[in-house]
Protein backbone atom coordinates (compact mmCIF):
# COMPACT_ATOMS: atom_id res chain seq x y z
CA MET A 1 -95.19 6.96 25.81
CA SER A 2 -92.46 8.29 27.96
CA ALA A 3 -92.10 11.79 26.50
CA LYS A 4 -94.88 14.35 26.61
CA THR A 5 -95.48 16.68 23.70
CA PRO A 6 -95.71 20.33 24.70
CA ASP A 7 -98.56 22.52 23.48
CA LEU A 8 -97.39 23.29 19.96
CA GLY A 9 -99.92 26.09 19.56
CA ARG A 10 -98.30 27.88 22.46
CA LEU A 11 -94.80 27.07 21.19
CA LEU A 12 -95.58 28.46 17.74
CA ALA A 13 -97.68 31.43 18.87
CA PRO A 14 -94.80 33.94 18.75
CA PHE A 15 -94.10 32.97 15.14
CA LEU A 16 -97.75 32.92 14.10
CA ALA A 17 -98.29 36.38 15.59
CA SER A 18 -96.59 38.02 12.61
CA VAL A 19 -98.65 36.02 10.11
CA ALA A 20 -102.00 37.24 8.80
CA SER A 21 -104.79 34.86 9.81
CA GLU A 22 -105.60 34.01 6.20
CA ALA A 23 -101.96 32.99 5.63
CA ARG A 24 -101.67 30.76 8.70
CA PRO A 25 -102.67 27.58 6.88
CA GLY A 26 -99.80 28.25 4.48
CA PHE A 27 -97.44 28.65 7.41
CA LEU A 28 -98.64 25.33 8.83
CA ALA A 29 -98.09 23.74 5.42
CA MET A 30 -94.48 24.94 5.50
CA LEU A 31 -94.09 23.37 8.95
CA GLU A 32 -95.55 20.12 7.59
CA ARG A 33 -92.78 20.08 4.98
CA GLY A 34 -90.25 20.53 7.78
CA ALA A 35 -91.78 17.56 9.60
CA ALA A 36 -91.48 15.53 6.40
CA ALA A 37 -87.77 16.29 6.35
CA ARG A 38 -87.50 15.16 9.98
CA TYR A 39 -89.21 11.86 9.10
CA ARG A 40 -86.70 11.32 6.30
CA GLU A 41 -83.87 11.86 8.82
CA TRP A 42 -85.42 9.25 11.10
CA ALA A 43 -85.81 6.90 8.11
CA ASP A 44 -82.06 7.17 7.51
CA ARG A 45 -81.40 6.23 11.15
CA LEU A 46 -83.97 3.53 11.73
CA GLY A 47 -83.13 0.92 9.10
CA GLU A 48 -85.95 -1.60 9.19
CA HIS A 49 -88.47 1.13 10.09
CA ALA A 50 -87.41 3.35 7.20
CA PRO A 51 -90.42 2.46 5.01
CA GLY A 52 -92.84 3.51 7.77
CA MET A 53 -90.94 6.74 8.37
CA ARG A 54 -90.96 7.50 4.65
CA ALA A 55 -94.71 6.88 4.55
CA CYS A 56 -95.09 9.42 7.36
CA ALA A 57 -92.96 11.88 5.36
CA GLN A 58 -95.18 11.35 2.33
CA ARG A 59 -98.28 12.05 4.39
CA GLU A 60 -96.74 15.31 5.65
CA GLU A 61 -95.98 16.34 2.06
CA GLU A 62 -99.51 15.40 1.00
CA ILE A 63 -100.97 17.57 3.76
CA ALA A 64 -98.75 20.48 2.72
CA ASP A 65 -99.71 20.06 -0.95
CA ARG A 66 -103.43 19.96 -0.12
CA VAL A 67 -103.21 23.03 2.09
CA ASP A 68 -101.15 24.94 -0.47
CA GLY A 69 -103.87 24.22 -3.01
CA LEU A 70 -106.67 25.23 -0.66
CA PHE A 71 -105.06 28.39 0.69
CA PRO A 72 -102.78 29.87 -1.99
CA LEU A 73 -100.37 32.52 -0.75
CA ASP A 74 -99.59 35.81 -2.43
CA ALA A 75 -95.95 36.93 -2.70
CA ALA A 76 -96.13 39.25 0.32
CA ASP A 77 -97.58 36.54 2.58
CA ARG A 78 -95.00 34.03 1.36
CA THR A 79 -92.19 36.46 2.22
CA THR A 80 -93.59 37.03 5.71
CA LEU A 81 -93.99 33.31 6.30
CA GLU A 82 -90.51 32.49 5.09
CA ALA A 83 -89.11 35.09 7.50
CA SER A 84 -90.93 33.50 10.46
CA LEU A 85 -90.23 29.91 9.47
CA PRO A 86 -86.59 29.47 10.64
CA GLY A 87 -87.43 30.47 14.21
CA ALA A 88 -90.45 28.18 14.29
CA ARG A 89 -88.45 25.25 12.94
CA LYS A 90 -85.67 25.90 15.44
CA ALA A 91 -88.20 25.88 18.31
CA TYR A 92 -89.70 22.63 16.99
CA LEU A 93 -86.32 20.92 16.61
CA ALA A 94 -85.29 22.00 20.09
CA LEU A 95 -88.02 19.71 21.44
CA PHE A 96 -85.96 16.71 20.34
CA GLU A 97 -82.53 17.72 21.62
CA ASN A 98 -80.80 15.20 23.86
CA LEU A 99 -83.70 12.75 23.72
CA SER A 100 -83.63 9.10 22.81
CA ILE A 101 -85.12 8.19 19.46
CA GLY A 102 -88.05 6.58 21.27
CA ASP A 103 -88.81 9.81 23.12
CA GLN A 104 -88.44 11.79 19.89
CA LEU A 105 -90.97 9.56 18.18
CA ALA A 106 -93.33 9.80 21.16
CA ILE A 107 -93.19 13.59 20.99
CA GLN A 108 -93.77 13.51 17.24
CA ALA A 109 -96.80 11.24 17.72
CA GLY A 110 -98.25 13.85 20.07
CA ALA A 111 -97.44 16.57 17.54
CA GLU A 112 -99.35 14.63 14.90
CA ARG A 113 -102.39 14.38 17.20
CA GLN A 114 -102.21 18.13 17.84
CA GLY A 115 -101.90 18.72 14.10
CA ALA A 116 -105.03 16.67 13.49
CA ALA A 117 -106.89 18.78 16.04
CA ALA A 118 -105.64 21.98 14.39
CA TRP A 119 -106.84 20.90 10.94
CA ARG A 120 -110.22 19.93 12.39
CA ALA A 121 -110.54 23.29 14.14
CA LEU A 122 -109.80 25.02 10.85
CA ALA A 123 -112.30 22.75 9.08
CA GLN A 124 -115.03 23.81 11.49
CA GLN A 125 -114.42 27.46 10.58
CA GLN A 126 -115.10 26.84 6.89
CA THR A 127 -118.41 27.42 5.18
CA ALA A 128 -117.65 25.39 2.05
CA PRO A 129 -118.22 21.66 2.68
CA ALA A 130 -115.51 20.67 0.19
CA LEU A 131 -112.96 22.74 2.08
CA SER A 132 -114.02 21.24 5.41
CA GLU A 133 -113.77 17.74 3.94
CA ALA A 134 -110.30 18.41 2.55
CA LEU A 135 -109.10 19.64 5.94
CA GLU A 136 -110.66 16.62 7.65
CA GLY A 137 -108.60 14.53 5.22
CA CYS A 138 -105.49 16.33 6.46
CA ALA A 139 -106.46 15.48 10.04
CA GLN A 140 -106.83 11.83 9.11
CA LEU A 141 -103.38 11.78 7.52
CA GLU A 142 -101.93 13.23 10.73
CA GLU A 143 -103.66 10.52 12.74
CA GLU A 144 -102.28 7.76 10.50
CA SER A 145 -98.76 8.92 11.27
CA ALA A 146 -99.54 9.28 14.98
CA THR A 147 -100.93 5.76 15.12
CA TYR A 148 -97.86 4.37 13.36
CA LEU A 149 -95.48 6.18 15.73
CA GLU A 150 -97.42 5.18 18.83
CA ALA A 151 -97.31 1.52 17.80
CA LEU A 152 -93.61 1.75 17.07
CA VAL A 153 -92.85 3.33 20.44
CA ALA A 154 -95.09 0.85 22.27
CA SER A 155 -93.35 -2.08 20.62
CA ASP A 156 -89.96 -0.94 21.90
CA LEU A 157 -88.68 -1.40 18.36
CA ALA A 158 -87.25 2.10 18.38
CA PRO A 159 -83.70 1.96 19.74
CA PRO A 160 -83.57 3.35 23.29
CA THR A 161 -80.44 5.39 22.62
CA GLY A 162 -79.53 8.01 20.08
CA GLY A 163 -80.58 11.54 19.90
């Protein structure tokens, strides 16, 4: 891969700082939905690779749905998260500015790997085995998307231009 993914934990830290620790999974679920939207944008641009991009979007939505079910938010937490979300999304989208589609996909693959690590770290903090297993499932979904993107980038099927 030609583009390196920055440390997303560090990138998102200023936005997570205002979020109560018990609401952070909900915040991450909201970011997953934003990533799903990004995959749908790529699907619109990548023609023959659209089905794979849409599958990635579906995995992001599935992760968000699982996490929303595991860590329900109260109204106050939801309001706080929604206030922090635009800045976090803007910081995330800035990673892709002026990059080729191949570099964008390489960065996203790295983001998926970091997401998998984040879900596993959260899983290790849980005392309920079912909760840990559900979060491990989220990590596996992230890895499926990362593997798809890495193969796509390695195959040079992603157009080298565009941004």
